[in-house]
Amino acid sequence: MATGTPPKNKGQKKCPNCGEPTVPKFRPFCSTRCSQLDLSKWFNEDFRVPVVETDDFNEDDFPDEDYEN
């Protein structure tokens, strides 16, 4: 049996923007304001998902697009 101390926040997670306890309605945020602030950061491209471009095909398998009949 575990004898560690229980978490102080009773299992509640914190808002990633302000650190306040989350509210189930706005999870993972604490309020509409924090969720809108996060959304605006995505729209302004402050957050980005990294992309690695690779060529997964052989160019010889595809005809030229400039080809005319």
Protein backbone atom coordinates (compact mmCIF):
# COMPACT_ATOMS: atom_id res chain seq x y z
CA MET A 1 0.00 0.00 0.00
CA ALA A 2 1.32 3.46 -0.90
CA THR A 3 2.18 5.71 2.00
CA GLY A 4 2.95 8.87 0.01
CA THR A 5 1.28 12.18 0.65
CA PRO A 6 -1.84 12.93 -1.40
CA PRO A 7 -1.65 15.66 -4.04
CA LYS A 8 -2.39 19.13 -2.70
CA ASN A 9 -4.73 20.08 -5.56
CA LYS A 10 -6.89 16.93 -5.09
CA GLY A 11 -6.14 15.68 -8.60
CA GLN A 12 -7.17 18.88 -10.36
CA LYS A 13 -4.98 19.92 -13.23
CA LYS A 14 -3.83 23.48 -13.73
CA CYS A 15 -4.70 25.81 -16.59
CA PRO A 16 -1.76 25.98 -19.03
CA ASN A 17 -2.18 29.77 -19.36
CA CYS A 18 -2.58 31.06 -15.81
CA GLY A 19 -2.05 28.07 -13.51
CA GLU A 20 -5.51 28.22 -11.87
CA PRO A 21 -7.41 24.94 -11.35
CA THR A 22 -9.26 23.80 -14.45
CA VAL A 23 -13.04 23.85 -14.82
CA PRO A 24 -14.62 20.81 -16.55
CA LYS A 25 -16.66 23.06 -18.88
CA PHE A 26 -13.50 24.75 -20.23
CA ARG A 27 -11.02 21.87 -19.80
CA PRO A 28 -8.02 22.04 -20.09
CA PHE A 29 -8.47 25.73 -19.25
CA CYS A 30 -10.05 27.52 -16.30
CA SER A 31 -12.25 29.96 -18.24
CA THR A 32 -13.43 31.15 -21.63
CA ARG A 33 -10.84 33.91 -21.48
CA CYS A 34 -7.91 31.49 -21.14
CA SER A 35 -9.24 29.24 -23.92
CA GLN A 36 -9.63 32.24 -26.24
CA LEU A 37 -6.12 33.46 -25.42
CA ASP A 38 -4.74 30.05 -26.36
CA LEU A 39 -6.75 30.00 -29.60
CA SER A 40 -5.45 33.45 -30.55
CA LYS A 41 -1.87 32.23 -30.08
CA TRP A 42 -2.54 29.44 -32.60
CA PHE A 43 -4.15 31.89 -35.05
CA ASN A 44 -1.18 34.27 -34.74
CA GLU A 45 1.15 31.30 -35.36
CA ASP A 46 2.85 31.70 -31.98
CA PHE A 47 2.42 27.92 -31.67
CA ARG A 48 3.40 25.70 -34.58
CA VAL A 49 3.42 22.01 -35.30
CA PRO A 50 6.79 21.05 -36.78
CA VAL A 51 6.65 19.54 -40.25
CA VAL A 52 9.31 17.43 -41.91
CA GLU A 53 8.89 17.24 -45.65
CA THR A 54 10.13 14.14 -47.40
CA ASP A 55 9.85 12.86 -50.94
CA ASP A 56 8.19 9.46 -50.64
CA PHE A 57 7.92 8.86 -54.37
CA ASN A 58 10.17 8.43 -57.36
CA GLU A 59 9.78 11.28 -59.88
CA ASP A 60 10.32 8.83 -62.77
CA ASP A 61 7.02 7.11 -61.89
CA PHE A 62 5.04 10.24 -62.80
CA PRO A 63 4.83 11.82 -66.28
CA ASP A 64 5.75 15.47 -66.74
CA GLU A 65 2.89 17.85 -66.12
CA ASP A 66 4.06 20.03 -69.01
CA TYR A 67 3.48 17.22 -71.49
CA GLU A 68 1.15 18.16 -74.36
CA ASN A 69 -0.58 15.70 -76.71
